[in-house]
Amino acid sequence: MSNATFEVFTDAAGEWRWRLVHDNGNVIADSGEGYASRQKATQGIESVKRNAPDAEVVDVDG
């Protein structure tokens, strides 16, 4: 069982967003952008689940 939950919500501008919240309350990740509909925000969640289950970690020097 996961220790995190995706939350879908509307922001102050009325746009839909998602965030991944650990059971300790810390936000692990968020959508980074607002969506026009709840459906689009949910599609964003599904994209993250599908495309990054084993994503590589890469160091980037800046």
C-alpha atoms as a PDB file:
ATOM      1  CA  MET A   1       0.000   0.000   0.000  1.00  0.00           C
ATOM      2  CA  SER A   2       1.250   3.467  -0.908  1.00  0.00           C
ATOM      3  CA  ASN A   3       2.217   6.017   1.711  1.00  0.00           C
ATOM      4  CA  ALA A   4       0.995   8.808  -0.558  1.00  0.00           C
ATOM      5  CA  THR A   5      -2.277  10.066  -2.022  1.00  0.00           C
ATOM      6  CA  PHE A   6      -3.016  12.199  -5.070  1.00  0.00           C
ATOM      7  CA  GLU A   7      -5.267  15.150  -4.229  1.00  0.00           C
ATOM      8  CA  VAL A   8      -7.201  17.019  -6.929  1.00  0.00           C
ATOM      9  CA  PHE A   9      -8.388  20.538  -6.109  1.00  0.00           C
ATOM     10  CA  THR A  10      -9.177  23.970  -7.522  1.00  0.00           C
ATOM     11  CA  ASP A  11      -6.820  26.856  -6.854  1.00  0.00           C
ATOM     12  CA  ALA A  12      -7.644  30.506  -6.128  1.00  0.00           C
ATOM     13  CA  ALA A  13      -7.887  31.217  -9.873  1.00  0.00           C
ATOM     14  CA  GLY A  14     -10.449  28.429 -10.336  1.00  0.00           C
ATOM     15  CA  GLU A  15      -8.032  26.123 -12.161  1.00  0.00           C
ATOM     16  CA  TRP A  16      -7.719  22.421 -11.373  1.00  0.00           C
ATOM     17  CA  ARG A  17      -4.458  21.141  -9.891  1.00  0.00           C
ATOM     18  CA  TRP A  18      -3.110  17.966  -8.342  1.00  0.00           C
ATOM     19  CA  ARG A  19      -0.582  17.248  -5.632  1.00  0.00           C
ATOM     20  CA  LEU A  20       0.919  14.035  -4.287  1.00  0.00           C
ATOM     21  CA  VAL A  21       0.847  14.079  -0.497  1.00  0.00           C
ATOM     22  CA  HIS A  22       2.718  11.652   1.772  1.00  0.00           C
ATOM     23  CA  ASP A  23       0.742  10.322   4.730  1.00  0.00           C
ATOM     24  CA  ASN A  24       2.876  12.553   6.988  1.00  0.00           C
ATOM     25  CA  GLY A  25       1.374  15.596   5.228  1.00  0.00           C
ATOM     26  CA  ASN A  26       4.401  16.556   3.128  1.00  0.00           C
ATOM     27  CA  VAL A  27       3.750  17.436  -0.509  1.00  0.00           C
ATOM     28  CA  ILE A  28       5.971  15.168  -2.608  1.00  0.00           C
ATOM     29  CA  ALA A  29       5.034  16.564  -6.031  1.00  0.00           C
ATOM     30  CA  ASP A  30       2.491  18.829  -7.686  1.00  0.00           C
ATOM     31  CA  SER A  31       1.115  19.555 -11.123  1.00  0.00           C
ATOM     32  CA  GLY A  32       3.130  22.732 -11.551  1.00  0.00           C
ATOM     33  CA  GLU A  33       0.351  24.122 -13.716  1.00  0.00           C
ATOM     34  CA  GLY A  34      -3.386  24.680 -13.584  1.00  0.00           C
ATOM     35  CA  TYR A  35      -5.802  22.733 -15.776  1.00  0.00           C
ATOM     36  CA  ALA A  36      -9.081  23.927 -17.258  1.00  0.00           C
ATOM     37  CA  SER A  37     -10.961  20.814 -16.100  1.00  0.00           C
ATOM     38  CA  ARG A  38     -10.839  18.134 -13.425  1.00  0.00           C
ATOM     39  CA  GLN A  39     -10.567  15.557 -16.223  1.00  0.00           C
ATOM     40  CA  LYS A  40      -7.353  17.165 -17.537  1.00  0.00           C
ATOM     41  CA  ALA A  41      -5.850  17.243 -14.033  1.00  0.00           C
ATOM     42  CA  THR A  42      -6.698  13.563 -13.600  1.00  0.00           C
ATOM     43  CA  GLN A  43      -5.088  12.812 -16.973  1.00  0.00           C
ATOM     44  CA  GLY A  44      -1.953  14.547 -15.673  1.00  0.00           C
ATOM     45  CA  ILE A  45      -1.912  12.216 -12.664  1.00  0.00           C
ATOM     46  CA  GLU A  46      -2.314   9.171 -14.890  1.00  0.00           C
ATOM     47  CA  SER A  47       0.526  10.400 -17.098  1.00  0.00           C
ATOM     48  CA  VAL A  48       2.868  10.649 -14.105  1.00  0.00           C
ATOM     49  CA  LYS A  49       1.865   7.175 -12.911  1.00  0.00           C
ATOM     50  CA  ARG A  50       2.345   5.669 -16.365  1.00  0.00           C
ATOM     51  CA  ASN A  51       5.503   7.486 -17.495  1.00  0.00           C
ATOM     52  CA  ALA A  52       7.614   7.714 -14.347  1.00  0.00           C
ATOM     53  CA  PRO A  53       7.221   4.605 -12.173  1.00  0.00           C
ATOM     54  CA  ASP A  54      10.944   3.852 -12.427  1.00  0.00           C
ATOM     55  CA  ALA A  55      12.283   7.200 -13.589  1.00  0.00           C
ATOM     56  CA  GLU A  56      16.042   7.599 -13.485  1.00  0.00           C
ATOM     57  CA  VAL A  57      17.578  10.236 -11.213  1.00  0.00           C
ATOM     58  CA  VAL A  58      20.113  12.414 -13.018  1.00  0.00           C
ATOM     59  CA  ASP A  59      22.411  15.007 -11.427  1.00  0.00           C
ATOM     60  CA  VAL A  60      22.389  18.290 -13.321  1.00  0.00           C
ATOM     61  CA  ASP A  61      25.167  20.761 -12.623  1.00  0.00           C
ATOM     62  CA  GLY A  62      24.019  24.357 -12.808  1.00  0.00           C
END
